[in-house]
């Protein structure tokens, strides 16, 4: 995976699109390093990596294209052929979605083949040239021996269902596998604690290297502690952690329909960019 990871890091730059980030591979490695490698699709020419896709399930591919190849017609036509035809082994027969932000030629050609625009997303960006203000909560960088705290808050934030012992063991095992994996050297997992020392919010941040944009993925607030500004606090803490890691900026993508998340990132000093849409097609 190293050439793909190295390419994704090089392709991150301020002012560029929030396309597939090396941190997305890191978060996907909850499934294990081998499963993450199997989910990658790499397009190259003469040993140079030109485009990378991460299969986030059989019906969704998240794309990144090298900046200087984004408008290359030969590469784009090859990408379209591979993405549009299930026989090429990239996407499933029964419907598919492509996330290819700011790959304008690719978008145009897929639309011509009958693909449709899907749900709009907004990218939020915060420059890290200046120090980030204090968030007002105690922040802990979570180590493996404290991972249960992190996974419990994440489960509440994103699942909302009862966190059974079986759920805890399974998710904890996946988190530990991620932390032992090849990507986690570029990451930090953070938890925020309130005045009662209860864990109320969590985030993971991923660096692409000094001087490059970092990624927030994921970020969530415990369902029992919402409405107190903890989302803004953990967002500020995440931005501060990325700055400490040498990132030039902090970036995160959110569905435009998620008004709570949109408000949270705005309140933490993040600036939205123009909306972008995924592309989808029905069964072949």
Protein backbone atom coordinates (compact mmCIF):
# COMPACT_ATOMS: atom_id res chain seq x y z
CA UNK A 1 0.00 0.00 0.00
CA UNK A 2 2.95 2.33 0.44
CA UNK A 3 3.00 3.85 -3.09
CA UNK A 4 -0.73 4.60 -2.85
CA UNK A 5 -0.43 6.10 0.62
CA UNK A 6 2.57 8.19 -0.39
CA UNK A 7 0.69 9.43 -3.47
CA UNK A 8 -2.38 10.40 -1.46
CA UNK A 9 -0.21 12.42 0.90
CA UNK A 10 1.52 14.23 -1.97
CA UNK A 11 -1.80 15.08 -3.59
CA UNK A 12 -3.09 16.99 -0.54
CA UNK A 13 -2.59 20.75 -0.84
CA UNK A 14 -4.27 23.85 0.52
CA UNK A 15 -6.88 25.14 -1.90
CA UNK A 16 -7.31 21.71 -3.43
CA UNK A 17 -10.36 19.47 -3.19
CA UNK A 18 -11.07 17.29 -0.17
CA UNK A 19 -10.72 14.11 -2.18
CA UNK A 20 -9.63 10.76 -0.82
CA UNK A 21 -7.08 11.37 1.94
CA UNK A 22 -4.53 9.02 3.44
CA UNK A 23 -6.53 9.36 6.67
CA UNK A 24 -9.52 7.78 4.94
CA UNK A 25 -7.38 4.68 4.45
CA UNK A 26 -6.41 4.90 8.09
CA UNK A 27 -10.00 4.98 9.31
CA UNK A 28 -10.95 2.21 6.87
CA UNK A 29 -8.22 0.07 8.44
CA UNK A 30 -10.66 -0.63 11.28
CA UNK A 31 -11.42 -3.52 8.92
CA UNK A 32 -7.77 -4.60 9.02
CA UNK A 33 -4.78 -3.70 6.88
CA UNK A 34 -5.33 -6.63 4.51
CA UNK A 35 -8.99 -5.70 3.93
CA UNK A 36 -7.98 -2.09 3.29
CA UNK A 37 -5.38 -3.16 0.74
CA UNK A 38 -8.00 -5.35 -0.96
CA UNK A 39 -10.38 -2.38 -1.14
CA UNK A 40 -7.90 -0.22 -3.06
CA UNK A 41 -8.01 0.28 -6.81
CA UNK A 42 -4.94 1.96 -8.28
CA UNK A 43 -4.46 3.35 -11.79
CA UNK A 44 -0.86 3.92 -12.85
CA UNK A 45 1.29 4.52 -15.92
CA UNK A 46 5.00 3.75 -16.24
CA UNK A 47 5.21 3.19 -12.51
CA UNK A 48 3.56 6.49 -11.57
CA UNK A 49 0.35 6.34 -9.54
CA UNK A 50 -2.25 8.52 -11.29
CA UNK A 51 -5.53 7.74 -9.53
CA UNK A 52 -6.68 5.80 -6.48
CA UNK A 53 -10.08 4.49 -5.46
CA UNK A 54 -11.11 3.13 -2.07
CA UNK A 55 -14.08 0.79 -2.12
CA UNK A 56 -16.16 1.75 0.90
CA UNK A 57 -18.36 -1.27 0.36
CA UNK A 58 -19.23 -2.79 -3.04
CA UNK A 59 -21.36 0.17 -4.18
CA UNK A 60 -19.24 3.19 -3.24
CA UNK A 61 -15.81 4.18 -4.45
CA UNK A 62 -14.06 7.23 -3.06
CA UNK A 63 -11.64 8.67 -5.61
CA UNK A 64 -8.49 10.76 -5.74
CA UNK A 65 -6.71 11.80 -8.93
CA UNK A 66 -3.22 13.27 -9.12
CA UNK A 67 -3.62 17.05 -9.49
CA UNK A 68 -1.64 17.28 -12.74
CA UNK A 69 -3.60 14.36 -14.26
CA UNK A 70 -7.09 15.47 -13.28
CA UNK A 71 -7.96 16.76 -16.76
CA UNK A 72 -6.05 14.17 -18.77
CA UNK A 73 -8.49 12.78 -21.33
CA UNK A 74 -6.92 9.35 -21.77
CA UNK A 75 -6.80 8.68 -18.03
CA UNK A 76 -10.29 10.03 -17.49
CA UNK A 77 -11.79 7.88 -20.25
CA UNK A 78 -10.13 4.84 -18.70
CA UNK A 79 -11.52 5.73 -15.27
CA UNK A 80 -15.01 6.19 -16.70
CA UNK A 81 -14.87 2.83 -18.48
CA UNK A 82 -13.72 1.05 -15.33
CA UNK A 83 -16.22 2.75 -13.05
CA UNK A 84 -19.20 2.43 -15.38
CA UNK A 85 -18.82 -1.24 -16.32
CA UNK A 86 -19.34 -3.70 -13.43
CA UNK A 87 -17.46 -6.33 -15.45
CA UNK A 88 -14.27 -4.32 -14.83
CA UNK A 89 -14.43 -5.36 -11.16
CA UNK A 90 -14.57 -1.94 -9.53
CA UNK A 91 -18.24 -1.40 -8.66
CA UNK A 92 -21.26 -3.66 -8.19
CA UNK A 93 -24.00 -4.54 -10.65
CA UNK A 94 -26.88 -3.36 -8.46
CA UNK A 95 -26.20 0.37 -8.30
CA UNK A 96 -23.11 2.39 -7.47
CA UNK A 97 -21.87 5.74 -6.22
CA UNK A 98 -18.65 7.59 -7.07
CA UNK A 99 -17.18 10.29 -4.85
CA UNK A 100 -14.84 12.27 -7.13
CA UNK A 101 -14.67 15.83 -5.84
CA UNK A 102 -13.41 18.47 -8.28
CA UNK A 103 -12.61 15.87 -10.93
CA UNK A 104 -14.65 17.90 -13.41
CA UNK A 105 -13.94 15.97 -16.59
CA UNK A 106 -14.66 12.66 -14.88
CA UNK A 107 -17.94 14.07 -13.59
CA UNK A 108 -18.96 15.36 -17.02
CA UNK A 109 -18.28 12.05 -18.73
CA UNK A 110 -20.14 10.00 -16.12
CA UNK A 111 -23.13 12.32 -16.42
CA UNK A 112 -23.09 11.76 -20.18
CA UNK A 113 -23.28 8.01 -19.51
CA UNK A 114 -26.46 8.44 -17.52
CA UNK A 115 -25.10 8.84 -14.00
CA UNK A 116 -27.03 11.25 -11.79
CA UNK A 117 -26.05 13.81 -9.17
CA UNK A 118 -26.45 12.56 -5.62
CA UNK A 119 -26.52 14.22 -2.19
CA UNK A 120 -24.49 17.46 -1.88
CA UNK A 121 -21.59 17.73 0.54
CA UNK A 122 -19.71 20.69 1.95
CA UNK A 123 -15.99 20.77 2.72
CA UNK A 124 -14.99 22.79 5.78
CA UNK A 125 -11.47 24.17 6.03
CA UNK A 126 -9.53 25.95 8.76
CA UNK A 127 -6.02 27.29 8.27
CA UNK A 128 -3.57 26.42 11.03
CA UNK A 129 -1.07 29.20 10.48
CA UNK A 130 -2.05 30.66 13.87
CA UNK A 131 -2.59 28.88 17.21
CA UNK A 132 -6.06 27.45 17.85
CA UNK A 133 -7.94 28.84 20.83
CA UNK A 134 -8.44 26.70 23.92
CA UNK A 135 -11.52 24.49 23.74
CA UNK A 136 -12.44 24.75 27.44
CA UNK A 137 -12.48 21.01 28.16
CA UNK A 138 -9.93 18.46 29.27
CA UNK A 139 -8.64 16.68 26.19
CA UNK A 140 -6.95 13.31 26.32
CA UNK A 141 -4.97 11.67 23.55
CA UNK A 142 -6.26 8.12 23.74
CA UNK A 143 -3.78 5.27 23.98
CA UNK A 144 -4.69 1.59 23.52
CA UNK A 145 -5.19 1.05 27.25
CA UNK A 146 -7.92 3.75 27.21
CA UNK A 147 -9.52 2.78 23.92
CA UNK A 148 -12.73 1.57 25.61
CA UNK A 149 -13.53 5.19 26.54
CA UNK A 150 -13.19 6.31 22.93
CA UNK A 151 -15.17 3.49 21.35
CA UNK A 152 -18.06 3.86 23.82
CA UNK A 153 -18.55 7.54 22.95
CA UNK A 154 -18.18 6.85 19.23
CA UNK A 155 -20.81 4.10 19.44
CA UNK A 156 -23.26 6.44 21.15
CA UNK A 157 -22.58 9.25 18.67
CA UNK A 158 -23.00 7.20 15.50
CA UNK A 159 -25.06 4.14 16.42
CA UNK A 160 -27.28 5.28 19.28
CA UNK A 161 -28.23 1.71 20.11
CA UNK A 162 -27.38 -0.15 23.32
CA UNK A 163 -23.65 -0.83 23.55
CA UNK A 164 -23.62 -4.53 24.42
CA UNK A 165 -20.60 -6.46 25.66
CA UNK A 166 -20.37 -8.16 22.27
CA UNK A 167 -20.44 -4.78 20.51
CA UNK A 168 -17.75 -3.47 22.84
CA UNK A 169 -15.43 -6.42 22.27
CA UNK A 170 -15.89 -6.33 18.52
CA UNK A 171 -15.42 -2.57 18.08
CA UNK A 172 -12.56 -2.44 20.57
CA UNK A 173 -10.79 -5.19 18.65
CA UNK A 174 -11.19 -3.27 15.41
CA UNK A 175 -9.91 -0.04 16.99
CA UNK A 176 -6.86 -1.84 18.38
CA UNK A 177 -6.18 -3.41 14.98
CA UNK A 178 -6.30 0.07 13.44
CA UNK A 179 -3.94 1.44 16.12
CA UNK A 180 -1.47 -1.37 15.43
CA UNK A 181 -1.72 -0.89 11.68
CA UNK A 182 0.48 0.89 9.14
CA UNK A 183 -1.47 4.18 9.09
CA UNK A 184 -1.82 5.11 12.73
CA UNK A 185 1.58 6.77 13.01
CA UNK A 186 -0.07 9.72 11.24
CA UNK A 187 -3.09 9.79 13.59
CA UNK A 188 -4.30 10.79 17.02
CA UNK A 189 -7.53 9.76 18.73
CA UNK A 190 -8.89 12.42 21.08
CA UNK A 191 -11.55 12.41 23.79
CA UNK A 192 -13.07 15.41 25.56
CA UNK A 193 -14.20 15.28 29.20
CA UNK A 194 -16.69 17.53 31.00
CA UNK A 195 -16.48 18.97 34.53
CA UNK A 196 -17.58 15.60 35.96
CA UNK A 197 -14.78 13.89 34.02
CA UNK A 198 -17.29 12.07 31.81
CA UNK A 199 -16.16 11.45 28.24
CA UNK A 200 -18.53 13.53 26.10
CA UNK A 201 -17.00 13.73 22.61
CA UNK A 202 -14.35 12.04 20.47
CA UNK A 203 -12.46 12.66 17.27
CA UNK A 204 -9.68 11.14 15.22
CA UNK A 205 -7.28 13.29 13.20
CA UNK A 206 -4.97 12.24 10.39
CA UNK A 207 -1.88 14.02 9.12
CA UNK A 208 -0.67 13.91 5.51
CA UNK A 209 2.71 15.22 6.62
CA UNK A 210 4.10 18.61 7.64
CA UNK A 211 2.83 21.51 5.58
CA UNK A 212 -0.10 19.57 4.14
CA UNK A 213 -3.83 19.54 5.00
CA UNK A 214 -4.93 17.17 7.75
CA UNK A 215 -8.27 15.39 8.07
CA UNK A 216 -10.87 15.07 10.83
CA UNK A 217 -12.41 11.60 10.53
CA UNK A 218 -14.56 10.86 12.48
CA UNK A 219 -15.91 13.31 15.07
CA UNK A 220 -18.93 12.80 17.31
CA UNK A 221 -20.64 13.78 20.56
CA UNK A 222 -22.21 11.31 22.99
CA UNK A 223 -25.99 11.34 22.59
CA UNK A 224 -26.47 11.96 26.29
CA UNK A 225 -24.30 15.10 26.23
CA UNK A 226 -25.48 17.02 23.18
CA UNK A 227 -26.50 20.65 23.21
CA UNK A 228 -23.64 21.90 25.41
CA UNK A 229 -21.11 22.99 22.79
CA UNK A 230 -19.01 19.85 23.09
CA UNK A 231 -18.98 19.38 19.31
CA UNK A 232 -17.33 22.77 18.88
CA UNK A 233 -14.89 21.98 21.70
CA UNK A 234 -13.72 18.66 20.23
CA UNK A 235 -13.45 20.27 16.78
CA UNK A 236 -11.14 22.95 18.20
CA UNK A 237 -9.11 20.28 19.98
CA UNK A 238 -8.84 18.31 16.74
CA UNK A 239 -7.62 21.36 14.84
CA UNK A 240 -5.07 22.09 17.57
CA UNK A 241 -3.80 18.50 17.43
CA UNK A 242 -3.31 18.71 13.68
CA UNK A 243 -1.42 21.98 14.07
CA UNK A 244 0.80 20.30 16.65
CA UNK A 245 1.44 17.53 14.10
CA UNK A 246 2.58 20.11 11.53
CA UNK A 247 -0.53 20.22 9.33
CA UNK A 248 -1.11 23.40 7.33
CA UNK A 249 -4.87 23.20 7.69
CA UNK A 250 -7.70 21.08 9.07
CA UNK A 251 -10.39 19.75 6.75
CA UNK A 252 -13.62 17.80 7.08
CA UNK A 253 -16.49 16.87 4.77
CA UNK A 254 -20.14 16.84 5.85
CA UNK A 255 -23.50 16.28 4.17
CA UNK A 256 -25.21 19.62 3.56
CA UNK A 257 -28.35 18.17 5.14
CA UNK A 258 -26.53 17.64 8.46
CA UNK A 259 -27.33 21.08 9.81
CA UNK A 260 -25.96 20.31 13.27
CA UNK A 261 -22.53 19.38 11.94
CA UNK A 262 -22.51 22.36 9.58
CA UNK A 263 -23.20 24.69 12.52
CA UNK A 264 -20.56 22.99 14.67
CA UNK A 265 -17.74 23.40 12.17
CA UNK A 266 -18.71 27.00 11.44
CA UNK A 267 -18.67 27.80 15.17
CA UNK A 268 -15.16 26.31 15.43
CA UNK A 269 -13.84 28.75 12.82
CA UNK A 270 -14.02 26.47 9.79
CA UNK A 271 -14.95 28.02 6.45
CA UNK A 272 -17.21 26.16 3.99
CA UNK A 273 -16.31 25.70 0.36
CA UNK A 274 -18.69 25.33 -2.56
CA UNK A 275 -20.97 22.30 -2.37
CA UNK A 276 -19.96 19.18 -4.25
CA UNK A 277 -22.03 16.14 -5.21
CA UNK A 278 -21.38 12.45 -5.53
CA UNK A 279 -22.55 10.63 -8.66
CA UNK A 280 -24.75 7.55 -8.70
CA UNK A 281 -26.13 5.06 -11.18
CA UNK A 282 -28.80 2.40 -10.97
CA UNK A 283 -28.38 -1.34 -11.55
CA UNK A 284 -26.71 -2.53 -14.73
